[in-house]
Amino acid sequence: MDMNDHAETPTQRLKGRRILVTGAASGIGRSTAELFAREGAAVGLLDRDKERLQAAAEEIGGWAFPVDITDDEAVVSSISEAAATLSGIDGVVNAAGIMFRGHAADVSAQDWRKVIEINLTGTYNVVRGCIPWLSREPLATVVTIASAAGLLPNAAGYTAYAASKGGVVALTKALAAELAPKIRVNTVCPGMVDTAMADGHRGNVGAYALNRLADPVEIARAILFLTSQESSYITGSALAVDGGRTFH
C-alpha cells in the first residue's frame, strides 16, 4: 500500500466518539475530519469558510458549524450547538491557523496581533469553550496543531509565526498539567505540508531528511493516534511530524 493511500481500511478506533475539528474546510483539518469519520467518530466541522465547510461536512457525513475562532462568544455558541447536535463532545482537534512570513523589522503590530490572535488565542478560545463538555467524559482528548517552527525556529522570516506556534506548544503543556488526569492534551508539530497554506512558503525540501513535503493525511494519522486510546498514557507531548526537519 502506498504510504499516502487515502483509501486505507478503517479500524473504527474512534467508534462512538464525538469530536470537533477546527479548520475543517481544507488542509490538515479537512483530512483529519475525513479520517476521523472513517474511523467511526461523529465529527463536527468548524471553520469560517461557510461554503467549503458545508461541502466538506456533506462529503464526509459530518456536521458543519461555521465560526471565526477569534470571536470567543461565537465560539462558545457554536460549541454549545455542536454539543447539542452530537449529544456531547469528548474530543477536539485545533487545526485552524494561518501561515505568515515577514522579518521582524518589517512586521507591523497589526500583523503580529493577527497571527497571535488566530494561531494562539483562537486555539485557546476553542479549548476553553470545550472544557465544560470534555470534563464530563471519561476518555476526553485535545490535540492542538503547532509547528516544527514552534519547536525550533531556525529559519529567518517567521518570527511572528514561530512565536504563535511556540505559544501553542507551551499552552498545550500547561493545559495538560491543568486538565489531567481527566483530559489528555497533546500537540502535533508538522513540517511543511502540501496544502494551499504552503503556497509561497514551501522553501527547499532539501532541509527535510525525507526530502519531500508531507501529505495532509500523514499529519491526520498522527492526530488520530493522539486522539485514540492507542496513546492512552500520553499527555503533554509535542510530537514532531516534520520529515526530519529538526531531529528533536
C-alpha atoms as a PDB file:
ATOM      1  CA  MET A   1       0.000   0.000   0.000  1.00  0.00           C
ATOM      2  CA  ASP A   2       1.256   3.489  -0.847  1.00  0.00           C
ATOM      3  CA  MET A   3       2.130   5.486   2.270  1.00  0.00           C
ATOM      4  CA  ASN A   4      -0.240   8.250   1.207  1.00  0.00           C
ATOM      5  CA  ASP A   5      -3.159   5.995   0.256  1.00  0.00           C
ATOM      6  CA  HIS A   6      -6.337   7.703   1.453  1.00  0.00           C
ATOM      7  CA  ALA A   7      -8.394   4.527   0.996  1.00  0.00           C
ATOM      8  CA  GLU A   8      -6.746   2.535   3.798  1.00  0.00           C
ATOM      9  CA  THR A   9      -9.034   0.160   5.688  1.00  0.00           C
ATOM     10  CA  PRO A  10     -10.757   1.830   8.671  1.00  0.00           C
ATOM     11  CA  THR A  11     -10.223   0.184  12.063  1.00  0.00           C
ATOM     12  CA  GLN A  12     -13.030   2.016  13.926  1.00  0.00           C
ATOM     13  CA  ARG A  13     -10.566   3.371  16.502  1.00  0.00           C
ATOM     14  CA  LEU A  14     -12.931   6.270  17.218  1.00  0.00           C
ATOM     15  CA  LYS A  15     -16.230   4.389  17.223  1.00  0.00           C
ATOM     16  CA  GLY A  16     -18.748   6.207  19.416  1.00  0.00           C
ATOM     17  CA  ARG A  17     -16.557   9.294  19.844  1.00  0.00           C
ATOM     18  CA  ARG A  18     -17.917  12.831  19.277  1.00  0.00           C
ATOM     19  CA  ILE A  19     -15.161  15.116  18.061  1.00  0.00           C
ATOM     20  CA  LEU A  20     -14.859  18.700  16.885  1.00  0.00           C
ATOM     21  CA  VAL A  21     -12.269  19.650  14.266  1.00  0.00           C
ATOM     22  CA  THR A  22     -11.455  23.298  13.578  1.00  0.00           C
ATOM     23  CA  GLY A  23     -10.042  24.489  10.269  1.00  0.00           C
ATOM     24  CA  ALA A  24     -12.018  21.612   8.777  1.00  0.00           C
ATOM     25  CA  ALA A  25     -12.858  23.197   5.432  1.00  0.00           C
ATOM     26  CA  SER A  26      -9.408  22.489   3.997  1.00  0.00           C
ATOM     27  CA  GLY A  27      -5.890  21.233   4.597  1.00  0.00           C
ATOM     28  CA  ILE A  28      -4.950  19.278   7.703  1.00  0.00           C
ATOM     29  CA  GLY A  29      -8.321  19.918   9.327  1.00  0.00           C
ATOM     30  CA  ARG A  30     -10.210  18.594   6.313  1.00  0.00           C
ATOM     31  CA  SER A  31      -8.066  15.448   6.109  1.00  0.00           C
ATOM     32  CA  THR A  32      -8.429  14.886   9.838  1.00  0.00           C
ATOM     33  CA  ALA A  33     -12.203  15.230   9.776  1.00  0.00           C
ATOM     34  CA  GLU A  34     -12.416  12.746   6.892  1.00  0.00           C
ATOM     35  CA  LEU A  35     -10.121  10.232   8.595  1.00  0.00           C
ATOM     36  CA  PHE A  36     -11.972  10.533  11.904  1.00  0.00           C
ATOM     37  CA  ALA A  37     -15.326   9.951  10.214  1.00  0.00           C
ATOM     38  CA  ARG A  38     -13.953   6.808   8.555  1.00  0.00           C
ATOM     39  CA  GLU A  39     -12.726   5.680  11.966  1.00  0.00           C
ATOM     40  CA  GLY A  40     -16.250   5.813  13.376  1.00  0.00           C
ATOM     41  CA  ALA A  41     -16.441   9.233  15.032  1.00  0.00           C
ATOM     42  CA  ALA A  42     -19.322  11.670  14.823  1.00  0.00           C
ATOM     43  CA  VAL A  43     -17.479  14.757  13.587  1.00  0.00           C
ATOM     44  CA  GLY A  44     -18.410  18.399  13.987  1.00  0.00           C
ATOM     45  CA  LEU A  45     -16.556  20.581  11.489  1.00  0.00           C
ATOM     46  CA  LEU A  46     -15.721  24.196  12.389  1.00  0.00           C
ATOM     47  CA  ASP A  47     -14.321  26.827  10.029  1.00  0.00           C
ATOM     48  CA  ARG A  48     -15.022  30.414   8.988  1.00  0.00           C
ATOM     49  CA  ASP A  49     -15.416  29.448   5.299  1.00  0.00           C
ATOM     50  CA  LYS A  50     -19.115  28.536   5.336  1.00  0.00           C
ATOM     51  CA  GLU A  51     -19.462  27.216   1.795  1.00  0.00           C
ATOM     52  CA  ARG A  52     -16.391  24.986   1.808  1.00  0.00           C
ATOM     53  CA  LEU A  53     -17.206  23.838   5.332  1.00  0.00           C
ATOM     54  CA  GLN A  54     -20.717  22.769   4.370  1.00  0.00           C
ATOM     55  CA  ALA A  55     -19.398  20.935   1.324  1.00  0.00           C
ATOM     56  CA  ALA A  56     -16.807  19.102   3.437  1.00  0.00           C
ATOM     57  CA  ALA A  57     -19.382  18.148   6.060  1.00  0.00           C
ATOM     58  CA  GLU A  58     -21.756  16.770   3.446  1.00  0.00           C
ATOM     59  CA  GLU A  59     -18.996  14.800   1.772  1.00  0.00           C
ATOM     60  CA  ILE A  60     -17.793  13.040   4.921  1.00  0.00           C
ATOM     61  CA  GLY A  61     -21.151  12.755   6.687  1.00  0.00           C
ATOM     62  CA  GLY A  62     -20.366  15.258   9.435  1.00  0.00           C
ATOM     63  CA  TRP A  63     -21.990  18.445  10.741  1.00  0.00           C
ATOM     64  CA  ALA A  64     -20.931  21.990   9.850  1.00  0.00           C
ATOM     65  CA  PHE A  65     -20.681  24.767  12.443  1.00  0.00           C
ATOM     66  CA  PRO A  66     -19.355  27.949  10.788  1.00  0.00           C
ATOM     67  CA  VAL A  67     -17.412  30.148  13.217  1.00  0.00           C
ATOM     68  CA  ASP A  68     -14.495  32.562  13.466  1.00  0.00           C
ATOM     69  CA  ILE A  69     -12.320  31.126  16.238  1.00  0.00           C
ATOM     70  CA  THR A  70     -11.083  34.598  17.209  1.00  0.00           C
ATOM     71  CA  ASP A  71     -14.633  35.537  18.301  1.00  0.00           C
ATOM     72  CA  ASP A  72     -14.808  33.976  21.759  1.00  0.00           C
ATOM     73  CA  GLU A  73     -18.556  34.459  22.176  1.00  0.00           C
ATOM     74  CA  ALA A  74     -19.299  32.935  18.781  1.00  0.00           C
ATOM     75  CA  VAL A  75     -17.006  30.017  19.632  1.00  0.00           C
ATOM     76  CA  VAL A  76     -18.925  29.255  22.832  1.00  0.00           C
ATOM     77  CA  SER A  77     -22.212  29.426  20.934  1.00  0.00           C
ATOM     78  CA  SER A  78     -21.000  27.119  18.140  1.00  0.00           C
ATOM     79  CA  ILE A  79     -19.587  24.615  20.620  1.00  0.00           C
ATOM     80  CA  SER A  80     -22.872  24.528  22.514  1.00  0.00           C
ATOM     81  CA  GLU A  81     -24.726  23.943  19.250  1.00  0.00           C
ATOM     82  CA  ALA A  82     -22.305  21.185  18.306  1.00  0.00           C
ATOM     83  CA  ALA A  83     -22.611  19.515  21.708  1.00  0.00           C
ATOM     84  CA  ALA A  84     -26.393  19.503  21.391  1.00  0.00           C
ATOM     85  CA  THR A  85     -26.204  18.058  17.872  1.00  0.00           C
ATOM     86  CA  LEU A  86     -23.635  15.376  18.719  1.00  0.00           C
ATOM     87  CA  SER A  87     -25.035  14.630  22.201  1.00  0.00           C
ATOM     88  CA  GLY A  88     -21.796  15.732  23.801  1.00  0.00           C
ATOM     89  CA  ILE A  89     -18.140  16.330  22.952  1.00  0.00           C
ATOM     90  CA  ASP A  90     -15.291  14.047  24.001  1.00  0.00           C
ATOM     91  CA  GLY A  91     -12.562  15.236  21.653  1.00  0.00           C
ATOM     92  CA  VAL A  92     -11.340  18.349  19.903  1.00  0.00           C
ATOM     93  CA  VAL A  93      -8.687  18.944  17.233  1.00  0.00           C
ATOM     94  CA  ASN A  94      -7.467  22.516  16.790  1.00  0.00           C
ATOM     95  CA  ALA A  95      -6.323  22.647  13.164  1.00  0.00           C
ATOM     96  CA  ALA A  96      -7.378  26.219  12.324  1.00  0.00           C
ATOM     97  CA  GLY A  97      -4.471  28.560  11.703  1.00  0.00           C
ATOM     98  CA  ILE A  98      -2.607  30.728   9.228  1.00  0.00           C
ATOM     99  CA  MET A  99       0.900  30.837   7.817  1.00  0.00           C
ATOM    100  CA  PHE A 100       2.689  34.188   7.922  1.00  0.00           C
ATOM    101  CA  ARG A 101       6.120  35.256   6.744  1.00  0.00           C
ATOM    102  CA  GLY A 102       7.913  38.520   7.426  1.00  0.00           C
ATOM    103  CA  HIS A 103      11.125  39.711   9.037  1.00  0.00           C
ATOM    104  CA  ALA A 104      10.679  41.204  12.499  1.00  0.00           C
ATOM    105  CA  ALA A 105      11.691  44.699  11.407  1.00  0.00           C
ATOM    106  CA  ASP A 106       9.008  44.672   8.725  1.00  0.00           C
ATOM    107  CA  VAL A 107       6.088  43.032  10.537  1.00  0.00           C
ATOM    108  CA  SER A 108       3.559  45.584  11.754  1.00  0.00           C
ATOM    109  CA  ALA A 109       1.986  45.404  15.179  1.00  0.00           C
ATOM    110  CA  GLN A 110      -1.331  44.769  13.443  1.00  0.00           C
ATOM    111  CA  ASP A 111       0.033  41.769  11.535  1.00  0.00           C
ATOM    112  CA  TRP A 112       1.688  40.441  14.708  1.00  0.00           C
ATOM    113  CA  ARG A 113      -1.601  40.633  16.589  1.00  0.00           C
ATOM    114  CA  LYS A 114      -3.463  38.912  13.746  1.00  0.00           C
ATOM    115  CA  VAL A 115      -1.098  35.920  13.718  1.00  0.00           C
ATOM    116  CA  ILE A 116      -1.184  35.559  17.510  1.00  0.00           C
ATOM    117  CA  GLU A 117      -4.965  36.044  17.612  1.00  0.00           C
ATOM    118  CA  ILE A 118      -5.692  33.295  15.090  1.00  0.00           C
ATOM    119  CA  ASN A 119      -2.987  30.733  15.842  1.00  0.00           C
ATOM    120  CA  LEU A 120      -2.690  31.037  19.616  1.00  0.00           C
ATOM    121  CA  THR A 121      -5.713  32.867  21.040  1.00  0.00           C
ATOM    122  CA  GLY A 122      -8.064  31.074  18.640  1.00  0.00           C
ATOM    123  CA  THR A 123      -6.757  27.729  19.853  1.00  0.00           C
ATOM    124  CA  TYR A 124      -7.238  28.849  23.453  1.00  0.00           C
ATOM    125  CA  ASN A 125     -10.790  30.023  22.735  1.00  0.00           C
ATOM    126  CA  VAL A 126     -11.782  26.639  21.325  1.00  0.00           C
ATOM    127  CA  VAL A 127     -10.222  24.548  24.081  1.00  0.00           C
ATOM    128  CA  ARG A 128     -11.619  26.821  26.782  1.00  0.00           C
ATOM    129  CA  GLY A 129     -15.095  26.570  25.250  1.00  0.00           C
ATOM    130  CA  CYS A 130     -14.908  22.769  25.085  1.00  0.00           C
ATOM    131  CA  ILE A 131     -13.682  22.146  28.643  1.00  0.00           C
ATOM    132  CA  PRO A 132     -17.168  22.024  30.234  1.00  0.00           C
ATOM    133  CA  TRP A 133     -18.152  19.286  27.777  1.00  0.00           C
ATOM    134  CA  LEU A 134     -14.864  17.397  27.776  1.00  0.00           C
ATOM    135  CA  SER A 135     -14.755  17.275  31.579  1.00  0.00           C
ATOM    136  CA  ARG A 136     -17.915  15.138  31.584  1.00  0.00           C
ATOM    137  CA  GLU A 137     -16.317  12.382  29.507  1.00  0.00           C
ATOM    138  CA  PRO A 138     -14.080   9.501  30.658  1.00  0.00           C
ATOM    139  CA  LEU A 139     -11.791   9.434  27.590  1.00  0.00           C
ATOM    140  CA  ALA A 140     -11.618  13.100  26.575  1.00  0.00           C
ATOM    141  CA  THR A 141      -8.781  14.355  24.397  1.00  0.00           C
ATOM    142  CA  VAL A 142      -7.480  17.603  22.972  1.00  0.00           C
ATOM    143  CA  VAL A 143      -4.993  17.788  20.120  1.00  0.00           C
ATOM    144  CA  THR A 144      -3.597  21.145  19.060  1.00  0.00           C
ATOM    145  CA  ILE A 145      -1.605  21.793  15.891  1.00  0.00           C
ATOM    146  CA  ALA A 146       1.596  23.701  16.458  1.00  0.00           C
ATOM    147  CA  SER A 147       4.563  23.526  14.067  1.00  0.00           C
ATOM    148  CA  ALA A 148       8.138  22.371  13.834  1.00  0.00           C
ATOM    149  CA  ALA A 149       8.859  26.112  13.732  1.00  0.00           C
ATOM    150  CA  GLY A 150       7.394  26.345  17.222  1.00  0.00           C
ATOM    151  CA  LEU A 151       9.866  23.734  18.467  1.00  0.00           C
ATOM    152  CA  LEU A 152      12.951  25.010  16.675  1.00  0.00           C
ATOM    153  CA  PRO A 153      12.529  28.370  14.894  1.00  0.00           C
ATOM    154  CA  ASN A 154      15.651  28.108  12.765  1.00  0.00           C
ATOM    155  CA  ALA A 155      14.503  29.874   9.575  1.00  0.00           C
ATOM    156  CA  ALA A 156      14.571  33.622   9.014  1.00  0.00           C
ATOM    157  CA  GLY A 157      11.353  35.476   8.323  1.00  0.00           C
ATOM    158  CA  TYR A 158       8.977  33.504  10.516  1.00  0.00           C
ATOM    159  CA  THR A 159       9.242  35.374  13.819  1.00  0.00           C
ATOM    160  CA  ALA A 160       5.532  36.022  14.347  1.00  0.00           C
ATOM    161  CA  TYR A 161       4.526  32.595  13.100  1.00  0.00           C
ATOM    162  CA  ALA A 162       7.124  30.799  15.226  1.00  0.00           C
ATOM    163  CA  ALA A 163       6.102  32.784  18.294  1.00  0.00           C
ATOM    164  CA  SER A 164       2.441  31.894  17.780  1.00  0.00           C
ATOM    165  CA  LYS A 165       3.197  28.206  17.327  1.00  0.00           C
ATOM    166  CA  GLY A 166       5.704  28.124  20.180  1.00  0.00           C
ATOM    167  CA  GLY A 167       2.885  29.567  22.251  1.00  0.00           C
ATOM    168  CA  VAL A 168       0.649  26.687  21.175  1.00  0.00           C
ATOM    169  CA  VAL A 169       3.275  24.205  22.384  1.00  0.00           C
ATOM    170  CA  ALA A 170       3.500  25.933  25.769  1.00  0.00           C
ATOM    171  CA  LEU A 171      -0.283  26.278  26.000  1.00  0.00           C
ATOM    172  CA  THR A 172      -0.679  22.567  25.306  1.00  0.00           C
ATOM    173  CA  LYS A 173       1.735  21.558  28.048  1.00  0.00           C
ATOM    174  CA  ALA A 174       0.124  23.941  30.540  1.00  0.00           C
ATOM    175  CA  LEU A 175      -3.342  22.600  29.709  1.00  0.00           C
ATOM    176  CA  ALA A 176      -2.119  19.012  30.001  1.00  0.00           C
ATOM    177  CA  ALA A 177      -0.935  19.728  33.540  1.00  0.00           C
ATOM    178  CA  GLU A 178      -4.105  21.606  34.461  1.00  0.00           C
ATOM    179  CA  LEU A 179      -6.667  19.223  32.977  1.00  0.00           C
ATOM    180  CA  ALA A 180      -5.034  15.923  33.994  1.00  0.00           C
ATOM    181  CA  PRO A 181      -5.992  13.243  34.718  1.00  0.00           C
ATOM    182  CA  LYS A 182      -9.449  13.769  33.228  1.00  0.00           C
ATOM    183  CA  ILE A 183      -8.482  15.190  29.826  1.00  0.00           C
ATOM    184  CA  ARG A 184      -5.384  14.324  27.808  1.00  0.00           C
ATOM    185  CA  VAL A 185      -3.860  17.238  25.857  1.00  0.00           C
ATOM    186  CA  ASN A 186      -1.158  16.861  23.200  1.00  0.00           C
ATOM    187  CA  THR A 187       0.149  18.761  20.196  1.00  0.00           C
ATOM    188  CA  VAL A 188       1.321  17.750  16.736  1.00  0.00           C
ATOM    189  CA  CYS A 189       4.138  19.800  15.214  1.00  0.00           C
ATOM    190  CA  PRO A 190       4.152  19.393  11.418  1.00  0.00           C
ATOM    191  CA  GLY A 191       6.824  20.433   9.000  1.00  0.00           C
ATOM    192  CA  MET A 192       5.768  21.845   5.654  1.00  0.00           C
ATOM    193  CA  VAL A 193       2.565  20.193   4.423  1.00  0.00           C
ATOM    194  CA  ASP A 194       1.370  20.038   0.825  1.00  0.00           C
ATOM    195  CA  THR A 195      -1.676  22.308   1.233  1.00  0.00           C
ATOM    196  CA  ALA A 196      -2.695  25.714  -0.076  1.00  0.00           C
ATOM    197  CA  MET A 197      -1.307  27.258   3.122  1.00  0.00           C
ATOM    198  CA  ALA A 198       2.166  26.252   1.985  1.00  0.00           C
ATOM    199  CA  ASP A 199       1.913  28.160  -1.302  1.00  0.00           C
ATOM    200  CA  GLY A 200       4.644  30.763  -1.373  1.00  0.00           C
ATOM    201  CA  HIS A 201       6.290  29.309   1.736  1.00  0.00           C
ATOM    202  CA  ARG A 202       7.479  25.916   0.528  1.00  0.00           C
ATOM    203  CA  GLY A 203      11.178  26.720   0.511  1.00  0.00           C
ATOM    204  CA  ASN A 204      13.737  23.995  -0.053  1.00  0.00           C
ATOM    205  CA  VAL A 205      12.653  20.449   0.735  1.00  0.00           C
ATOM    206  CA  GLY A 206      16.342  19.625   0.904  1.00  0.00           C
ATOM    207  CA  ALA A 207      16.142  20.850   4.504  1.00  0.00           C
ATOM    208  CA  TYR A 208      13.984  17.797   5.259  1.00  0.00           C
ATOM    209  CA  ALA A 209      15.624  14.410   5.777  1.00  0.00           C
ATOM    210  CA  LEU A 210      12.784  12.733   3.854  1.00  0.00           C
ATOM    211  CA  ASN A 211      13.286  15.248   1.011  1.00  0.00           C
ATOM    212  CA  ARG A 212       9.593  15.995   0.463  1.00  0.00           C
ATOM    213  CA  LEU A 213       6.580  17.787   1.910  1.00  0.00           C
ATOM    214  CA  ALA A 214       4.001  15.894   3.946  1.00  0.00           C
ATOM    215  CA  ASP A 215       0.667  14.789   2.594  1.00  0.00           C
ATOM    216  CA  PRO A 216      -2.069  16.174   4.902  1.00  0.00           C
ATOM    217  CA  VAL A 217      -3.260  12.654   5.717  1.00  0.00           C
ATOM    218  CA  GLU A 218       0.167  11.868   7.208  1.00  0.00           C
ATOM    219  CA  ILE A 219      -0.434  14.595   9.781  1.00  0.00           C
ATOM    220  CA  ALA A 220      -4.016  13.407  10.284  1.00  0.00           C
ATOM    221  CA  ARG A 221      -2.739   9.934  11.168  1.00  0.00           C
ATOM    222  CA  ALA A 222      -0.592  11.383  13.958  1.00  0.00           C
ATOM    223  CA  ILE A 223      -3.597  13.332  15.232  1.00  0.00           C
ATOM    224  CA  LEU A 224      -5.631  10.119  15.151  1.00  0.00           C
ATOM    225  CA  PHE A 225      -3.013   8.359  17.263  1.00  0.00           C
ATOM    226  CA  LEU A 226      -3.096  11.080  19.917  1.00  0.00           C
ATOM    227  CA  THR A 227      -6.911  11.090  19.920  1.00  0.00           C
ATOM    228  CA  SER A 228      -7.332   7.319  20.106  1.00  0.00           C
ATOM    229  CA  GLN A 229      -6.779   5.020  23.078  1.00  0.00           C
ATOM    230  CA  GLU A 230      -3.551   3.866  21.444  1.00  0.00           C
ATOM    231  CA  SER A 231      -1.972   6.904  23.128  1.00  0.00           C
ATOM    232  CA  SER A 232      -3.750   6.437  26.466  1.00  0.00           C
ATOM    233  CA  TYR A 233      -0.578   7.063  28.517  1.00  0.00           C
ATOM    234  CA  ILE A 234       0.491  10.182  26.625  1.00  0.00           C
ATOM    235  CA  THR A 235      -0.305  13.747  27.651  1.00  0.00           C
ATOM    236  CA  GLY A 236       1.628  16.983  27.385  1.00  0.00           C
ATOM    237  CA  SER A 237       3.628  15.719  24.416  1.00  0.00           C
ATOM    238  CA  ALA A 238       4.779  17.718  21.400  1.00  0.00           C
ATOM    239  CA  LEU A 239       5.026  15.215  18.560  1.00  0.00           C
ATOM    240  CA  ALA A 240       7.219  16.373  15.676  1.00  0.00           C
ATOM    241  CA  VAL A 241       5.812  15.092  12.372  1.00  0.00           C
ATOM    242  CA  ASP A 242       8.210  17.021  10.191  1.00  0.00           C
ATOM    243  CA  GLY A 243      10.033  14.650   7.888  1.00  0.00           C
ATOM    244  CA  GLY A 244      13.249  15.066   9.823  1.00  0.00           C
ATOM    245  CA  ARG A 245      13.409  18.847   9.574  1.00  0.00           C
ATOM    246  CA  THR A 246      14.526  19.328  13.132  1.00  0.00           C
ATOM    247  CA  PHE A 247      15.541  15.955  14.666  1.00  0.00           C
ATOM    248  CA  HIS A 248      14.303  16.697  18.182  1.00  0.00           C
END
